[in-house]
Amino acid sequence: MKPSLGRIVHYRGKHGYQAMRAAIVTVDGHSLDPRGVEDGVIPPLTDEYHVHLWVFTPGEAGGFTEYNVPCGEPFEHQPGQELPPGSWGWPPRV
């Protein structure tokens, strides 16, 4: 399933403890503004499975932006499987 604007995903950090966090898709292939890319305001996306994310974190900051994040798996994330650092995946069904 392709990512879409506003969907909640899981994101594994690429630095430090590489903790799993909740994130929301802020830009997908359909919502990317090409003028923003041309002006250098926003990075491009590599392909239809890369997204820009807002990653939610505990603490004062509340979160941070990650750009051009790849999908860490081809299909739905399964319990017990870990996402590679610096990638997003679908939350497991409960």
PDB file of N, CA and C in Angstrom:
ATOM      1  N   MET A   1       0.840  -1.165   0.000  1.00  0.00           N
ATOM      2  CA  MET A   1       0.000   0.000   0.000  1.00  0.00           C
ATOM      3  C   MET A   1       0.897   1.245   0.000  1.00  0.00           C
ATOM      4  N   LYS A   2       0.565   2.198  -0.854  1.00  0.00           N
ATOM      5  CA  LYS A   2       1.343   3.430  -0.940  1.00  0.00           C
ATOM      6  C   LYS A   2       0.999   4.362   0.215  1.00  0.00           C
ATOM      7  N   PRO A   3       1.984   5.118   0.685  1.00  0.00           N
ATOM      8  CA  PRO A   3       1.712   6.087   1.745  1.00  0.00           C
ATOM      9  C   PRO A   3       0.889   7.251   1.202  1.00  0.00           C
ATOM     10  N   SER A   4       0.135   7.883   2.089  1.00  0.00           N
ATOM     11  CA  SER A   4      -0.649   9.041   1.661  1.00  0.00           C
ATOM     12  C   SER A   4      -0.652  10.101   2.755  1.00  0.00           C
ATOM     13  N   LEU A   5      -0.884  11.311   2.351  1.00  0.00           N
ATOM     14  CA  LEU A   5      -0.874  12.477   3.222  1.00  0.00           C
ATOM     15  C   LEU A   5      -1.781  12.270   4.427  1.00  0.00           C
ATOM     16  N   GLY A   6      -1.243  12.534   5.615  1.00  0.00           N
ATOM     17  CA  GLY A   6      -2.021  12.460   6.843  1.00  0.00           C
ATOM     18  C   GLY A   6      -2.067  11.104   7.514  1.00  0.00           C
ATOM     19  N   ARG A   7      -1.497  10.079   6.910  1.00  0.00           N
ATOM     20  CA  ARG A   7      -1.517   8.743   7.520  1.00  0.00           C
ATOM     21  C   ARG A   7      -0.506   8.646   8.652  1.00  0.00           C
ATOM     22  N   ILE A   8      -0.886   7.919   9.679  1.00  0.00           N
ATOM     23  CA  ILE A   8       0.009   7.638  10.796  1.00  0.00           C
ATOM     24  C   ILE A   8       0.844   6.407  10.440  1.00  0.00           C
ATOM     25  N   VAL A   9       2.151   6.504  10.669  1.00  0.00           N
ATOM     26  CA  VAL A   9       3.074   5.402  10.406  1.00  0.00           C
ATOM     27  C   VAL A   9       4.006   5.259  11.603  1.00  0.00           C
ATOM     28  N   HIS A  10       4.782   4.198  11.604  1.00  0.00           N
ATOM     29  CA  HIS A  10       5.859   4.032  12.580  1.00  0.00           C
ATOM     30  C   HIS A  10       7.158   4.463  11.921  1.00  0.00           C
ATOM     31  N   TYR A  11       8.035   5.067  12.707  1.00  0.00           N
ATOM     32  CA  TYR A  11       9.340   5.514  12.219  1.00  0.00           C
ATOM     33  C   TYR A  11      10.400   5.060  13.205  1.00  0.00           C
ATOM     34  N   ARG A  12      11.437   4.418  12.694  1.00  0.00           N
ATOM     35  CA  ARG A  12      12.571   4.025  13.543  1.00  0.00           C
ATOM     36  C   ARG A  12      13.680   5.036  13.315  1.00  0.00           C
ATOM     37  N   GLY A  13      14.140   5.650  14.407  1.00  0.00           N
ATOM     38  CA  GLY A  13      15.190   6.668  14.323  1.00  0.00           C
ATOM     39  C   GLY A  13      16.472   6.146  13.711  1.00  0.00           C
ATOM     40  N   LYS A  14      17.221   7.052  13.121  1.00  0.00           N
ATOM     41  CA  LYS A  14      18.487   6.659  12.493  1.00  0.00           C
ATOM     42  C   LYS A  14      19.696   7.015  13.350  1.00  0.00           C
ATOM     43  N   HIS A  15      19.457   7.699  14.487  1.00  0.00           N
ATOM     44  CA  HIS A  15      20.536   8.098  15.392  1.00  0.00           C
ATOM     45  C   HIS A  15      20.235   7.594  16.794  1.00  0.00           C
ATOM     46  N   GLY A  16      21.239   7.547  17.625  1.00  0.00           N
ATOM     47  CA  GLY A  16      21.046   7.234  19.049  1.00  0.00           C
ATOM     48  C   GLY A  16      20.448   5.862  19.274  1.00  0.00           C
ATOM     49  N   TYR A  17      19.362   5.833  20.051  1.00  0.00           N
ATOM     50  CA  TYR A  17      18.754   4.561  20.428  1.00  0.00           C
ATOM     51  C   TYR A  17      17.895   3.950  19.323  1.00  0.00           C
ATOM     52  N   GLN A  18      17.654   4.690  18.268  1.00  0.00           N
ATOM     53  CA  GLN A  18      16.841   4.206  17.142  1.00  0.00           C
ATOM     54  C   GLN A  18      15.469   3.750  17.615  1.00  0.00           C
ATOM     55  N   ALA A  19      14.895   4.515  18.521  1.00  0.00           N
ATOM     56  CA  ALA A  19      13.589   4.173  19.092  1.00  0.00           C
ATOM     57  C   ALA A  19      12.493   4.248  18.041  1.00  0.00           C
ATOM     58  N   MET A  20      11.491   3.400  18.190  1.00  0.00           N
ATOM     59  CA  MET A  20      10.319   3.433  17.327  1.00  0.00           C
ATOM     60  C   MET A  20       9.433   4.573  17.802  1.00  0.00           C
ATOM     61  N   ARG A  21       8.942   5.380  16.865  1.00  0.00           N
ATOM     62  CA  ARG A  21       8.090   6.517  17.173  1.00  0.00           C
ATOM     63  C   ARG A  21       6.888   6.538  16.229  1.00  0.00           C
ATOM     64  N   ALA A  22       5.826   7.181  16.689  1.00  0.00           N
ATOM     65  CA  ALA A  22       4.691   7.461  15.814  1.00  0.00           C
ATOM     66  C   ALA A  22       5.050   8.672  14.960  1.00  0.00           C
ATOM     67  N   ALA A  23       4.594   8.670  13.723  1.00  0.00           N
ATOM     68  CA  ALA A  23       4.852   9.788  12.813  1.00  0.00           C
ATOM     69  C   ALA A  23       3.646   9.962  11.902  1.00  0.00           C
ATOM     70  N   ILE A  24       3.548  11.136  11.319  1.00  0.00           N
ATOM     71  CA  ILE A  24       2.478  11.403  10.361  1.00  0.00           C
ATOM     72  C   ILE A  24       3.116  11.823   9.039  1.00  0.00           C
ATOM     73  N   VAL A  25       2.541  11.340   7.953  1.00  0.00           N
ATOM     74  CA  VAL A  25       3.039  11.679   6.617  1.00  0.00           C
ATOM     75  C   VAL A  25       2.627  13.118   6.314  1.00  0.00           C
ATOM     76  N   THR A  26       3.612  13.996   6.140  1.00  0.00           N
ATOM     77  CA  THR A  26       3.332  15.400   5.829  1.00  0.00           C
ATOM     78  C   THR A  26       3.424  15.687   4.339  1.00  0.00           C
ATOM     79  N   VAL A  27       4.156  14.858   3.600  1.00  0.00           N
ATOM     80  CA  VAL A  27       4.251  14.994   2.146  1.00  0.00           C
ATOM     81  C   VAL A  27       4.416  13.608   1.537  1.00  0.00           C
ATOM     82  N   ASP A  28       3.606  13.322   0.526  1.00  0.00           N
ATOM     83  CA  ASP A  28       3.773  12.109  -0.273  1.00  0.00           C
ATOM     84  C   ASP A  28       3.960  12.523  -1.733  1.00  0.00           C
ATOM     85  N   GLY A  29       4.045  11.560  -2.617  1.00  0.00           N
ATOM     86  CA  GLY A  29       4.277  11.861  -4.028  1.00  0.00           C
ATOM     87  C   GLY A  29       3.199  12.719  -4.669  1.00  0.00           C
ATOM     88  N   HIS A  30       1.978  12.629  -4.163  1.00  0.00           N
ATOM     89  CA  HIS A  30       0.877  13.402  -4.740  1.00  0.00           C
ATOM     90  C   HIS A  30       0.770  14.807  -4.155  1.00  0.00           C
ATOM     91  N   SER A  31       1.274  15.009  -2.938  1.00  0.00           N
ATOM     92  CA  SER A  31       1.127  16.311  -2.296  1.00  0.00           C
ATOM     93  C   SER A  31       2.392  17.169  -2.353  1.00  0.00           C
ATOM     94  N   LEU A  32       3.470  16.629  -2.912  1.00  0.00           N
ATOM     95  CA  LEU A  32       4.719  17.384  -3.013  1.00  0.00           C
ATOM     96  C   LEU A  32       4.547  18.547  -3.983  1.00  0.00           C
ATOM     97  N   ASP A  33       4.853  19.735  -3.521  1.00  0.00           N
ATOM     98  CA  ASP A  33       4.734  20.932  -4.362  1.00  0.00           C
ATOM     99  C   ASP A  33       6.014  21.099  -5.174  1.00  0.00           C
ATOM    100  N   PRO A  34       5.955  20.919  -6.490  1.00  0.00           N
ATOM    101  CA  PRO A  34       7.174  21.014  -7.303  1.00  0.00           C
ATOM    102  C   PRO A  34       7.814  22.403  -7.250  1.00  0.00           C
ATOM    103  N   ARG A  35       7.004  23.445  -7.014  1.00  0.00           N
ATOM    104  CA  ARG A  35       7.580  24.792  -6.910  1.00  0.00           C
ATOM    105  C   ARG A  35       8.450  24.900  -5.664  1.00  0.00           C
ATOM    106  N   GLY A  36       8.035  24.248  -4.574  1.00  0.00           N
ATOM    107  CA  GLY A  36       8.847  24.252  -3.359  1.00  0.00           C
ATOM    108  C   GLY A  36      10.169  23.546  -3.565  1.00  0.00           C
ATOM    109  N   VAL A  37      10.150  22.472  -4.343  1.00  0.00           N
ATOM    110  CA  VAL A  37      11.384  21.742  -4.660  1.00  0.00           C
ATOM    111  C   VAL A  37      12.276  22.615  -5.525  1.00  0.00           C
ATOM    112  N   GLU A  38      11.708  23.235  -6.559  1.00  0.00           N
ATOM    113  CA  GLU A  38      12.487  24.107  -7.455  1.00  0.00           C
ATOM    114  C   GLU A  38      13.117  25.270  -6.703  1.00  0.00           C
ATOM    115  N   ASP A  39      12.391  25.833  -5.735  1.00  0.00           N
ATOM    116  CA  ASP A  39      12.887  26.967  -4.959  1.00  0.00           C
ATOM    117  C   ASP A  39      13.847  26.545  -3.850  1.00  0.00           C
ATOM    118  N   GLY A  40      14.025  25.236  -3.634  1.00  0.00           N
ATOM    119  CA  GLY A  40      14.916  24.739  -2.597  1.00  0.00           C
ATOM    120  C   GLY A  40      14.329  24.823  -1.194  1.00  0.00           C
ATOM    121  N   VAL A  41      13.008  25.001  -1.104  1.00  0.00           N
ATOM    122  CA  VAL A  41      12.344  25.110   0.192  1.00  0.00           C
ATOM    123  C   VAL A  41      12.099  23.736   0.806  1.00  0.00           C
ATOM    124  N   ILE A  42      11.874  22.751  -0.034  1.00  0.00           N
ATOM    125  CA  ILE A  42      11.585  21.391   0.434  1.00  0.00           C
ATOM    126  C   ILE A  42      12.351  20.394  -0.433  1.00  0.00           C
ATOM    127  N   PRO A  43      12.915  19.344   0.175  1.00  0.00           N
ATOM    128  CA  PRO A  43      13.651  18.355  -0.615  1.00  0.00           C
ATOM    129  C   PRO A  43      12.710  17.521  -1.484  1.00  0.00           C
ATOM    130  N   PRO A  44      13.220  17.019  -2.597  1.00  0.00           N
ATOM    131  CA  PRO A  44      12.411  16.124  -3.439  1.00  0.00           C
ATOM    132  C   PRO A  44      12.270  14.752  -2.777  1.00  0.00           C
ATOM    133  N   LEU A  45      11.381  13.941  -3.326  1.00  0.00           N
ATOM    134  CA  LEU A  45      11.221  12.552  -2.898  1.00  0.00           C
ATOM    135  C   LEU A  45      11.866  11.653  -3.939  1.00  0.00           C
ATOM    136  N   THR A  46      12.534  10.613  -3.479  1.00  0.00           N
ATOM    137  CA  THR A  46      13.238   9.699  -4.377  1.00  0.00           C
ATOM    138  C   THR A  46      12.276   8.870  -5.221  1.00  0.00           C
ATOM    139  N   ASP A  47      11.198   8.366  -4.590  1.00  0.00           N
ATOM    140  CA  ASP A  47      10.212   7.569  -5.318  1.00  0.00           C
ATOM    141  C   ASP A  47       8.872   7.614  -4.592  1.00  0.00           C
ATOM    142  N   GLU A  48       7.899   6.849  -5.066  1.00  0.00           N
ATOM    143  CA  GLU A  48       6.535   6.909  -4.519  1.00  0.00           C
ATOM    144  C   GLU A  48       6.398   6.315  -3.121  1.00  0.00           C
ATOM    145  N   TYR A  49       7.427   5.636  -2.629  1.00  0.00           N
ATOM    146  CA  TYR A  49       7.391   5.068  -1.277  1.00  0.00           C
ATOM    147  C   TYR A  49       8.233   5.857  -0.278  1.00  0.00           C
ATOM    148  N   HIS A  50       8.848   6.945  -0.722  1.00  0.00           N
ATOM    149  CA  HIS A  50       9.554   7.866   0.176  1.00  0.00           C
ATOM    150  C   HIS A  50       8.581   8.970   0.567  1.00  0.00           C
ATOM    151  N   VAL A  51       8.698   9.442   1.820  1.00  0.00           N
ATOM    152  CA  VAL A  51       7.802  10.484   2.323  1.00  0.00           C
ATOM    153  C   VAL A  51       8.580  11.452   3.211  1.00  0.00           C
ATOM    154  N   HIS A  52       7.984  12.608   3.472  1.00  0.00           N
ATOM    155  CA  HIS A  52       8.454  13.511   4.512  1.00  0.00           C
ATOM    156  C   HIS A  52       7.546  13.256   5.710  1.00  0.00           C
ATOM    157  N   LEU A  53       8.133  13.244   6.900  1.00  0.00           N
ATOM    158  CA  LEU A  53       7.389  12.911   8.117  1.00  0.00           C
ATOM    159  C   LEU A  53       7.531  13.983   9.188  1.00  0.00           C
ATOM    160  N   TRP A  54       6.512  14.084  10.027  1.00  0.00           N
ATOM    161  CA  TRP A  54       6.633  14.741  11.321  1.00  0.00           C
ATOM    162  C   TRP A  54       6.654  13.596  12.329  1.00  0.00           C
ATOM    163  N   VAL A  55       7.752  13.466  13.066  1.00  0.00           N
ATOM    164  CA  VAL A  55       7.943  12.385  14.012  1.00  0.00           C
ATOM    165  C   VAL A  55       7.620  12.905  15.412  1.00  0.00           C
ATOM    166  N   PHE A  56       6.679  12.260  16.084  1.00  0.00           N
ATOM    167  CA  PHE A  56       6.287  12.656  17.431  1.00  0.00           C
ATOM    168  C   PHE A  56       7.267  12.098  18.445  1.00  0.00           C
ATOM    169  N   THR A  57       7.655  12.946  19.418  1.00  0.00           N
ATOM    170  CA  THR A  57       8.578  12.514  20.456  1.00  0.00           C
ATOM    171  C   THR A  57       8.080  12.989  21.814  1.00  0.00           C
ATOM    172  N   PRO A  58       8.445  12.258  22.866  1.00  0.00           N
ATOM    173  CA  PRO A  58       8.131  12.748  24.199  1.00  0.00           C
ATOM    174  C   PRO A  58       9.052  13.922  24.531  1.00  0.00           C
ATOM    175  N   GLY A  59       8.643  14.732  25.452  1.00  0.00           N
ATOM    176  CA  GLY A  59       9.489  15.845  25.865  1.00  0.00           C
ATOM    177  C   GLY A  59       9.003  17.172  25.320  1.00  0.00           C
ATOM    178  N   GLU A  60       9.766  18.210  25.625  1.00  0.00           N
ATOM    179  CA  GLU A  60       9.374  19.574  25.300  1.00  0.00           C
ATOM    180  C   GLU A  60       9.249  19.843  23.816  1.00  0.00           C
ATOM    181  N   ALA A  61      10.172  19.345  23.027  1.00  0.00           N
ATOM    182  CA  ALA A  61      10.169  19.653  21.591  1.00  0.00           C
ATOM    183  C   ALA A  61       8.916  19.114  20.908  1.00  0.00           C
ATOM    184  N   GLY A  62       8.458  17.954  21.314  1.00  0.00           N
ATOM    185  CA  GLY A  62       7.240  17.383  20.744  1.00  0.00           C
ATOM    186  C   GLY A  62       7.434  16.637  19.442  1.00  0.00           C
ATOM    187  N   GLY A  63       8.525  16.896  18.742  1.00  0.00           N
ATOM    188  CA  GLY A  63       8.747  16.177  17.494  1.00  0.00           C
ATOM    189  C   GLY A  63       9.767  16.865  16.607  1.00  0.00           C
ATOM    190  N   PHE A  64       9.969  16.275  15.449  1.00  0.00           N
ATOM    191  CA  PHE A  64      10.928  16.801  14.477  1.00  0.00           C
ATOM    192  C   PHE A  64      10.547  16.312  13.090  1.00  0.00           C
ATOM    193  N   THR A  65      11.100  16.961  12.080  1.00  0.00           N
ATOM    194  CA  THR A  65      10.836  16.617  10.684  1.00  0.00           C
ATOM    195  C   THR A  65      11.922  15.684  10.163  1.00  0.00           C
ATOM    196  N   GLU A  66      11.520  14.704   9.392  1.00  0.00           N
ATOM    197  CA  GLU A  66      12.454  13.851   8.642  1.00  0.00           C
ATOM    198  C   GLU A  66      12.053  13.926   7.175  1.00  0.00           C
ATOM    199  N   TYR A  67      13.034  14.088   6.311  1.00  0.00           N
ATOM    200  CA  TYR A  67      12.770  14.248   4.882  1.00  0.00           C
ATOM    201  C   TYR A  67      13.177  13.017   4.088  1.00  0.00           C
ATOM    202  N   ASN A  68      12.413  12.746   3.038  1.00  0.00           N
ATOM    203  CA  ASN A  68      12.713  11.686   2.069  1.00  0.00           C
ATOM    204  C   ASN A  68      13.004  10.350   2.758  1.00  0.00           C
ATOM    205  N   VAL A  69      12.104   9.945   3.619  1.00  0.00           N
ATOM    206  CA  VAL A  69      12.268   8.721   4.411  1.00  0.00           C
ATOM    207  C   VAL A  69      11.779   7.522   3.596  1.00  0.00           C
ATOM    208  N   PRO A  70      12.605   6.480   3.458  1.00  0.00           N
ATOM    209  CA  PRO A  70      12.186   5.302   2.697  1.00  0.00           C
ATOM    210  C   PRO A  70      11.284   4.382   3.508  1.00  0.00           C
ATOM    211  N   CYS A  71      10.510   3.604   2.808  1.00  0.00           N
ATOM    212  CA  CYS A  71       9.721   2.552   3.437  1.00  0.00           C
ATOM    213  C   CYS A  71      10.685   1.439   3.830  1.00  0.00           C
ATOM    214  N   GLY A  72      10.547   0.941   5.051  1.00  0.00           N
ATOM    215  CA  GLY A  72      11.451  -0.087   5.538  1.00  0.00           C
ATOM    216  C   GLY A  72      11.019  -1.498   5.213  1.00  0.00           C
ATOM    217  N   GLU A  73       9.889  -1.647   4.544  1.00  0.00           N
ATOM    218  CA  GLU A  73       9.361  -2.967   4.226  1.00  0.00           C
ATOM    219  C   GLU A  73       8.410  -2.844   3.047  1.00  0.00           C
ATOM    220  N   PRO A  74       8.256  -3.900   2.280  1.00  0.00           N
ATOM    221  CA  PRO A  74       7.353  -3.806   1.129  1.00  0.00           C
ATOM    222  C   PRO A  74       5.879  -3.900   1.504  1.00  0.00           C
ATOM    223  N   PHE A  75       5.563  -4.519   2.643  1.00  0.00           N
ATOM    224  CA  PHE A  75       4.172  -4.711   3.031  1.00  0.00           C
ATOM    225  C   PHE A  75       3.982  -4.335   4.486  1.00  0.00           C
ATOM    226  N   GLU A  76       2.839  -4.630   5.027  1.00  0.00           N
ATOM    227  CA  GLU A  76       2.503  -4.264   6.401  1.00  0.00           C
ATOM    228  C   GLU A  76       3.507  -4.835   7.404  1.00  0.00           C
ATOM    229  N   HIS A  77       3.873  -3.996   8.368  1.00  0.00           N
ATOM    230  CA  HIS A  77       4.802  -4.388   9.429  1.00  0.00           C
ATOM    231  C   HIS A  77       4.175  -5.501  10.274  1.00  0.00           C
ATOM    232  N   GLN A  78       4.924  -6.534  10.538  1.00  0.00           N
ATOM    233  CA  GLN A  78       4.437  -7.654  11.342  1.00  0.00           C
ATOM    234  C   GLN A  78       5.046  -7.604  12.740  1.00  0.00           C
ATOM    235  N   PRO A  79       4.283  -7.947  13.769  1.00  0.00           N
ATOM    236  CA  PRO A  79       4.846  -7.959  15.121  1.00  0.00           C
ATOM    237  C   PRO A  79       6.101  -8.824  15.183  1.00  0.00           C
ATOM    238  N   GLY A  80       7.111  -8.328  15.899  1.00  0.00           N
ATOM    239  CA  GLY A  80       8.357  -9.077  16.032  1.00  0.00           C
ATOM    240  C   GLY A  80       9.376  -8.734  14.962  1.00  0.00           C
ATOM    241  N   GLN A  81       8.954  -8.078  13.892  1.00  0.00           N
ATOM    242  CA  GLN A  81       9.886  -7.654  12.856  1.00  0.00           C
ATOM    243  C   GLN A  81      10.256  -6.204  13.118  1.00  0.00           C
ATOM    244  N   GLU A  82      11.516  -5.883  12.959  1.00  0.00           N
ATOM    245  CA  GLU A  82      11.956  -4.523  13.199  1.00  0.00           C
ATOM    246  C   GLU A  82      12.176  -3.794  11.884  1.00  0.00           C
ATOM    247  N   LEU A  83      11.840  -2.510  11.897  1.00  0.00           N
ATOM    248  CA  LEU A  83      12.136  -1.660  10.753  1.00  0.00           C
ATOM    249  C   LEU A  83      13.616  -1.312  10.764  1.00  0.00           C
ATOM    250  N   PRO A  84      14.235  -1.175   9.611  1.00  0.00           N
ATOM    251  CA  PRO A  84      15.625  -0.710   9.588  1.00  0.00           C
ATOM    252  C   PRO A  84      15.706   0.728  10.097  1.00  0.00           C
ATOM    253  N   PRO A  85      16.816   1.124  10.707  1.00  0.00           N
ATOM    254  CA  PRO A  85      16.954   2.502  11.165  1.00  0.00           C
ATOM    255  C   PRO A  85      16.737   3.499  10.026  1.00  0.00           C
ATOM    256  N   GLY A  86      16.036   4.596  10.342  1.00  0.00           N
ATOM    257  CA  GLY A  86      15.798   5.652   9.361  1.00  0.00           C
ATOM    258  C   GLY A  86      14.725   5.334   8.350  1.00  0.00           C
ATOM    259  N   SER A  87      13.785   4.444   8.678  1.00  0.00           N
ATOM    260  CA  SER A  87      12.731   4.087   7.733  1.00  0.00           C
ATOM    261  C   SER A  87      11.364   4.117   8.411  1.00  0.00           C
ATOM    262  N   TRP A  88      10.321   4.121   7.605  1.00  0.00           N
ATOM    263  CA  TRP A  88       8.957   4.102   8.120  1.00  0.00           C
ATOM    264  C   TRP A  88       8.309   2.784   7.738  1.00  0.00           C
ATOM    265  N   GLY A  89       7.227   2.442   8.446  1.00  0.00           N
ATOM    266  CA  GLY A  89       6.431   1.246   8.144  1.00  0.00           C
ATOM    267  C   GLY A  89       5.031   1.407   8.702  1.00  0.00           C
ATOM    268  N   TRP A  90       4.127   0.589   8.223  1.00  0.00           N
ATOM    269  CA  TRP A  90       2.740   0.634   8.709  1.00  0.00           C
ATOM    270  C   TRP A  90       2.674   0.038  10.103  1.00  0.00           C
ATOM    271  N   PRO A  91       1.858   0.620  10.976  1.00  0.00           N
ATOM    272  CA  PRO A  91       1.668   0.009  12.299  1.00  0.00           C
ATOM    273  C   PRO A  91       1.040  -1.370  12.155  1.00  0.00           C
ATOM    274  N   PRO A  92       1.398  -2.294  13.040  1.00  0.00           N
ATOM    275  CA  PRO A  92       0.776  -3.617  12.955  1.00  0.00           C
ATOM    276  C   PRO A  92      -0.707  -3.541  13.306  1.00  0.00           C
ATOM    277  N   ARG A  93      -1.477  -4.410  12.717  1.00  0.00           N
ATOM    278  CA  ARG A  93      -2.899  -4.489  13.067  1.00  0.00           C
ATOM    279  C   ARG A  93      -3.024  -5.153  14.421  1.00  0.00           C
ATOM    280  N   VAL A  94      -3.911  -4.645  15.211  1.00  0.00           N
ATOM    281  CA  VAL A  94      -4.093  -5.176  16.568  1.00  0.00           C
ATOM    282  C   VAL A  94      -5.449  -5.824  16.684  1.00  0.00           C
TER     283      VAL A  94
END
